[in-house]
Amino acid sequence: MNKKWLLLWLFFVALGVSQAQEHFYPALWRNDAALYEGPVYGLKMGVNLPRMYYSNVNLSRLPHDLVIVPSVGAFLEIPFLRPCTVSPEVYYQQRGGSFTYLYDDRIKETYRLNAHCVSLRSPVFFYFPISDRVKPYLFVTPDLGFVFGGKTSLTHPNHELPDYTVGVNYSNIKYWNFGAVGGLGMRVNIPLSVITIVLKADAGLNWGFTDTFSRFEHWGAAIPVNPVQQYEINDRRVFRSLELHLSLGYFINKYDACGTFQ
């Protein structure tokens, strides 16, 4: 799907659902127990723990290093049917992974791929309220990522061989990838005089489906940059990760002015 059409579709989905939410969430007289749940505007930030998975047996056996990279973005969470919401969001994150191993059983090497990505998602949140303010939830979403840069490096901690770095571009990575994300979290509403602050913390598993090797690598037109240089034409490489996020948002408290006369 063309990226412009995708962004336009997300805009109209958000606009239509925002208009419809008034029907499902009628205005209420404000009190501490019954706050109007409006669209939540906010920012999210956290960390991504990326990994790469290969179909090549030699590469799949390599030990993963722990990699922690940043993730930051913005979201609009829209109530559409109690107890669910939908939340179009866009954010930046890094994907890839790292391996440290012995090459030829004697030379220590660290291979790392760090790809910069923009991720487009529209998660659906399923809430299980403990109270009007505390709401655990589950969420699930498709994930569409676009790579716009990064680098691949091979380093030798003991300096047995020279290090090298290669930029990520269309010849050595597929520029888009598709996957699904699911997880759980906790939401806390903090009502103030005019707005309600929304705090959320969640953890999700990003399960990539797309082979991220470029078509030039599969065609043999580009030399694959891989750990220990093991490669076969039919190999696949997918990105997967554990994601941890904190979100800070707000919605404007709305309530029925006539309710004060009841």
Protein backbone atom coordinates (compact mmCIF):
# COMPACT_ATOMS: atom_id res chain seq x y z
CA MET A 1 0.00 0.00 0.00
CA ASN A 2 1.27 3.47 -0.92
CA LYS A 3 2.49 5.30 2.20
CA LYS A 4 0.48 8.45 1.40
CA TRP A 5 -2.75 6.46 1.12
CA LEU A 6 -1.95 4.66 4.38
CA LEU A 7 -1.45 7.93 6.26
CA LEU A 8 -4.64 9.36 4.73
CA TRP A 9 -6.56 6.24 5.80
CA LEU A 10 -5.28 6.55 9.37
CA PHE A 11 -6.33 10.22 9.47
CA PHE A 12 -9.90 9.49 8.38
CA VAL A 13 -10.17 6.54 10.77
CA ALA A 14 -9.13 8.78 13.66
CA LEU A 15 -11.49 11.57 12.54
CA GLY A 16 -14.49 9.27 12.11
CA VAL A 17 -14.02 7.46 15.39
CA SER A 18 -13.46 10.74 17.23
CA GLN A 19 -16.84 11.98 16.01
CA ALA A 20 -18.56 8.71 16.87
CA GLN A 21 -17.19 8.56 20.42
CA GLU A 22 -19.68 11.22 21.60
CA HIS A 23 -22.44 8.69 20.98
CA PHE A 24 -20.79 6.00 23.10
CA TYR A 25 -19.50 8.33 25.80
CA PRO A 26 -22.23 10.92 26.50
CA ALA A 27 -21.33 13.92 28.64
CA LEU A 28 -21.54 13.39 32.38
CA TRP A 29 -21.82 15.69 35.37
CA ARG A 30 -18.27 15.79 36.67
CA ASN A 31 -17.48 14.15 39.95
CA ASP A 32 -14.53 12.09 41.15
CA ALA A 33 -16.26 8.80 40.35
CA ALA A 34 -17.56 9.53 36.85
CA LEU A 35 -15.15 11.43 34.60
CA TYR A 36 -15.85 11.92 30.92
CA GLU A 37 -13.49 9.73 28.90
CA GLY A 38 -12.49 11.81 25.89
CA PRO A 39 -9.77 11.33 23.27
CA VAL A 40 -6.34 11.13 24.93
CA TYR A 41 -3.49 13.06 23.32
CA GLY A 42 -0.03 12.15 24.41
CA LEU A 43 3.59 11.12 24.03
CA LYS A 44 5.21 7.77 24.68
CA MET A 45 8.81 6.85 25.29
CA GLY A 46 10.68 3.77 26.34
CA VAL A 47 13.17 1.16 25.22
CA ASN A 48 13.32 -1.57 22.64
CA LEU A 49 15.25 -4.84 23.14
CA PRO A 50 15.75 -5.98 19.53
CA ARG A 51 16.80 -9.37 18.17
CA MET A 52 17.36 -10.89 14.74
CA TYR A 53 16.20 -14.38 13.84
CA TYR A 54 17.67 -16.29 10.88
CA SER A 55 16.51 -19.34 8.97
CA ASN A 56 20.17 -20.21 8.34
CA VAL A 57 21.14 -22.85 10.91
CA ASN A 58 24.67 -21.49 11.46
CA LEU A 59 23.42 -17.96 12.06
CA SER A 60 20.48 -19.02 14.23
CA ARG A 61 22.87 -20.68 16.70
CA LEU A 62 24.81 -17.50 17.43
CA PRO A 63 24.37 -16.13 20.99
CA HIS A 64 22.35 -12.93 21.27
CA ASP A 65 23.76 -9.90 23.06
CA LEU A 66 21.53 -7.75 25.24
CA VAL A 67 20.82 -4.56 23.28
CA ILE A 68 18.75 -1.68 24.70
CA VAL A 69 17.83 1.14 22.32
CA PRO A 70 15.43 4.10 22.62
CA SER A 71 11.86 4.44 21.35
CA VAL A 72 9.77 7.64 21.31
CA GLY A 73 6.54 8.75 19.64
CA ALA A 74 3.06 10.29 19.81
CA PHE A 75 -0.45 8.85 19.96
CA LEU A 76 -4.15 9.71 19.91
CA GLU A 77 -6.24 7.24 21.93
CA ILE A 78 -9.94 7.29 21.05
CA PRO A 79 -12.75 5.54 22.99
CA PHE A 80 -15.13 3.75 20.64
CA LEU A 81 -16.91 1.00 22.55
CA ARG A 82 -16.68 0.31 26.26
CA PRO A 83 -14.31 -1.02 27.45
CA CYS A 84 -12.16 -0.64 24.30
CA THR A 85 -10.18 2.17 22.68
CA VAL A 86 -8.20 2.49 19.45
CA SER A 87 -4.97 4.50 19.31
CA PRO A 88 -3.33 5.54 16.03
CA GLU A 89 0.32 6.20 16.79
CA VAL A 90 3.64 6.91 15.14
CA TYR A 91 7.07 6.72 16.69
CA TYR A 92 10.77 6.22 16.13
CA GLN A 93 12.60 3.12 17.25
CA GLN A 94 15.75 1.15 16.45
CA ARG A 95 15.67 -2.46 15.27
CA GLY A 96 18.22 -5.15 14.56
CA GLY A 97 20.38 -6.92 17.11
CA SER A 98 23.89 -7.99 18.08
CA PHE A 99 25.96 -11.18 18.37
CA THR A 100 29.32 -11.80 20.04
CA TYR A 101 31.04 -15.06 19.13
CA LEU A 102 34.35 -16.75 18.30
CA TYR A 103 35.15 -16.75 14.59
CA ASP A 104 37.06 -19.88 13.55
CA ASP A 105 37.01 -20.79 17.27
CA ARG A 106 39.79 -18.29 17.99
CA ILE A 107 38.89 -14.69 17.00
CA LYS A 108 36.33 -12.83 19.08
CA GLU A 109 33.92 -10.74 16.99
CA THR A 110 30.86 -8.61 17.67
CA TYR A 111 28.39 -8.14 14.83
CA ARG A 112 25.66 -5.52 15.20
CA LEU A 113 22.90 -4.25 12.94
CA ASN A 114 21.22 -1.03 14.06
CA ALA A 115 18.39 0.13 11.76
CA HIS A 116 16.50 3.39 12.33
CA CYS A 117 12.76 2.92 11.81
CA VAL A 118 9.49 4.81 11.80
CA SER A 119 6.66 2.61 13.07
CA LEU A 120 2.96 3.10 12.25
CA ARG A 121 0.42 1.28 14.43
CA SER A 122 -3.21 1.41 15.48
CA PRO A 123 -3.50 -0.72 18.64
CA VAL A 124 -6.79 -1.72 20.18
CA PHE A 125 -6.79 -1.62 24.00
CA PHE A 126 -9.06 -3.91 26.01
CA TYR A 127 -9.55 -2.49 29.52
CA PHE A 128 -10.42 -4.36 32.71
CA PRO A 129 -11.18 -1.50 35.14
CA ILE A 130 -10.39 -1.92 38.81
CA SER A 131 -11.87 1.55 39.41
CA ASP A 132 -12.57 4.70 37.38
CA ARG A 133 -8.93 5.65 37.81
CA VAL A 134 -6.99 2.36 37.63
CA LYS A 135 -7.40 0.23 34.52
CA PRO A 136 -5.24 -2.77 33.56
CA TYR A 137 -5.39 -3.59 29.85
CA LEU A 138 -4.37 -5.89 27.03
CA PHE A 139 -3.52 -4.61 23.56
CA VAL A 140 -2.88 -5.92 20.06
CA THR A 141 -1.92 -4.15 16.85
CA PRO A 142 -0.47 -4.64 13.38
CA ASP A 143 2.91 -2.98 12.95
CA LEU A 144 4.22 -1.36 9.76
CA GLY A 145 7.82 -0.19 9.95
CA PHE A 146 9.92 1.82 7.49
CA VAL A 147 13.73 1.88 7.64
CA PHE A 148 15.40 5.24 6.93
CA GLY A 149 19.03 4.60 7.87
CA GLY A 150 21.40 3.01 10.34
CA LYS A 151 24.60 1.03 10.24
CA THR A 152 26.06 -2.47 10.37
CA SER A 153 29.34 -3.00 12.19
CA LEU A 154 31.78 -5.83 12.82
CA THR A 155 34.23 -5.17 15.65
CA HIS A 156 37.06 -7.20 17.21
CA PRO A 157 37.51 -6.45 20.93
CA ASN A 158 41.00 -7.97 20.97
CA HIS A 159 42.02 -6.26 17.69
CA GLU A 160 42.92 -9.49 15.88
CA LEU A 161 41.32 -8.14 12.68
CA PRO A 162 40.40 -4.63 11.49
CA ASP A 163 36.90 -3.34 12.30
CA TYR A 164 34.48 -2.12 9.65
CA THR A 165 31.18 -0.28 9.43
CA VAL A 166 28.65 -0.25 6.58
CA GLY A 167 25.70 2.12 6.26
CA VAL A 168 22.20 0.63 6.02
CA ASN A 169 20.63 1.34 2.62
CA TYR A 170 18.32 -0.19 0.00
CA SER A 171 21.03 -2.64 -1.14
CA ASN A 172 21.41 -4.41 2.24
CA ILE A 173 17.99 -4.18 3.90
CA LYS A 174 14.33 -4.20 2.93
CA TYR A 175 12.98 -0.72 3.57
CA TRP A 176 9.63 -1.85 4.99
CA ASN A 177 8.65 -4.65 7.34
CA PHE A 178 5.39 -5.93 8.75
CA GLY A 179 4.59 -7.62 12.05
CA ALA A 180 2.21 -7.76 15.00
CA VAL A 181 2.55 -6.54 18.57
CA GLY A 182 0.68 -7.76 21.63
CA GLY A 183 1.09 -7.07 25.32
CA LEU A 184 -0.32 -5.82 28.59
CA GLY A 185 -0.16 -2.72 30.75
CA MET A 186 -1.67 -0.46 33.37
CA ARG A 187 -3.44 2.90 32.98
CA VAL A 188 -3.96 5.44 35.77
CA ASN A 189 -6.22 8.51 35.43
CA ILE A 190 -5.32 11.53 37.56
CA PRO A 191 -8.20 14.06 37.48
CA LEU A 192 -7.37 17.77 37.75
CA SER A 193 -9.63 20.80 37.54
CA VAL A 194 -9.86 21.06 33.75
CA ILE A 195 -7.98 18.07 32.38
CA THR A 196 -7.27 14.50 33.43
CA ILE A 197 -3.69 13.28 33.21
CA VAL A 198 -3.31 9.75 31.87
CA LEU A 199 -0.28 7.64 32.81
CA LYS A 200 0.31 4.29 31.12
CA ALA A 201 3.03 1.64 31.41
CA ASP A 202 3.10 -1.43 29.18
CA ALA A 203 5.22 -4.22 27.78
CA GLY A 204 4.74 -5.81 24.36
CA LEU A 205 6.24 -8.46 22.12
CA ASN A 206 6.93 -7.34 18.54
CA TRP A 207 6.75 -10.38 16.26
CA GLY A 208 8.06 -9.58 12.77
CA PHE A 209 6.93 -11.57 9.73
CA THR A 210 8.86 -9.89 6.89
CA ASP A 211 12.17 -11.14 5.53
CA THR A 212 14.40 -8.09 5.97
CA PHE A 213 17.11 -9.14 3.49
CA SER A 214 16.98 -6.89 0.42
CA ARG A 215 16.07 -8.23 -2.99
CA PHE A 216 19.60 -7.33 -4.16
CA GLU A 217 21.06 -9.70 -1.57
CA HIS A 218 18.73 -12.48 -2.71
CA TRP A 219 19.55 -11.80 -6.35
CA GLY A 220 23.27 -11.91 -5.58
CA ALA A 221 23.74 -8.31 -6.80
CA ALA A 222 24.86 -7.19 -3.32
CA ILE A 223 27.17 -9.01 -0.94
CA PRO A 224 25.29 -9.73 2.31
CA VAL A 225 26.87 -8.27 5.41
CA ASN A 226 26.24 -11.01 7.97
CA PRO A 227 27.84 -12.52 11.05
CA VAL A 228 30.69 -14.90 10.12
CA GLN A 229 29.73 -14.29 6.45
CA GLN A 230 27.42 -17.32 6.40
CA TYR A 231 24.74 -16.90 3.75
CA GLU A 232 22.45 -18.85 1.47
CA ILE A 233 20.10 -17.44 -1.16
CA ASN A 234 17.02 -18.91 0.50
CA ASP A 235 17.83 -17.56 3.97
CA ARG A 236 15.43 -15.26 5.82
CA ARG A 237 16.06 -12.69 8.56
CA VAL A 238 13.25 -11.21 10.64
CA PHE A 239 13.24 -8.52 13.32
CA ARG A 240 11.61 -9.22 16.69
CA SER A 241 11.84 -7.44 20.01
CA LEU A 242 10.55 -6.81 23.51
CA GLU A 243 9.20 -3.28 23.95
CA LEU A 244 8.76 -1.37 27.23
CA HIS A 245 6.95 1.97 27.15
CA LEU A 246 5.74 4.76 29.42
CA SER A 247 3.01 7.06 28.08
CA LEU A 248 1.89 10.47 29.29
CA GLY A 249 -1.33 11.94 27.94
CA TYR A 250 -4.35 14.01 28.81
CA PHE A 251 -8.01 14.49 27.99
CA ILE A 252 -10.19 17.53 28.64
CA ASN A 253 -12.85 16.97 31.28
CA LYS A 254 -16.31 17.48 29.80
CA TYR A 255 -19.53 17.34 31.75
CA ASP A 256 -23.17 18.28 31.49
CA ALA A 257 -23.64 21.85 32.77
CA CYS A 258 -27.30 21.06 33.52
CA GLY A 259 -26.11 18.32 35.88
CA THR A 260 -25.31 20.93 38.50
CA PHE A 261 -29.05 21.69 38.84
CA GLN A 262 -30.12 18.08 39.38
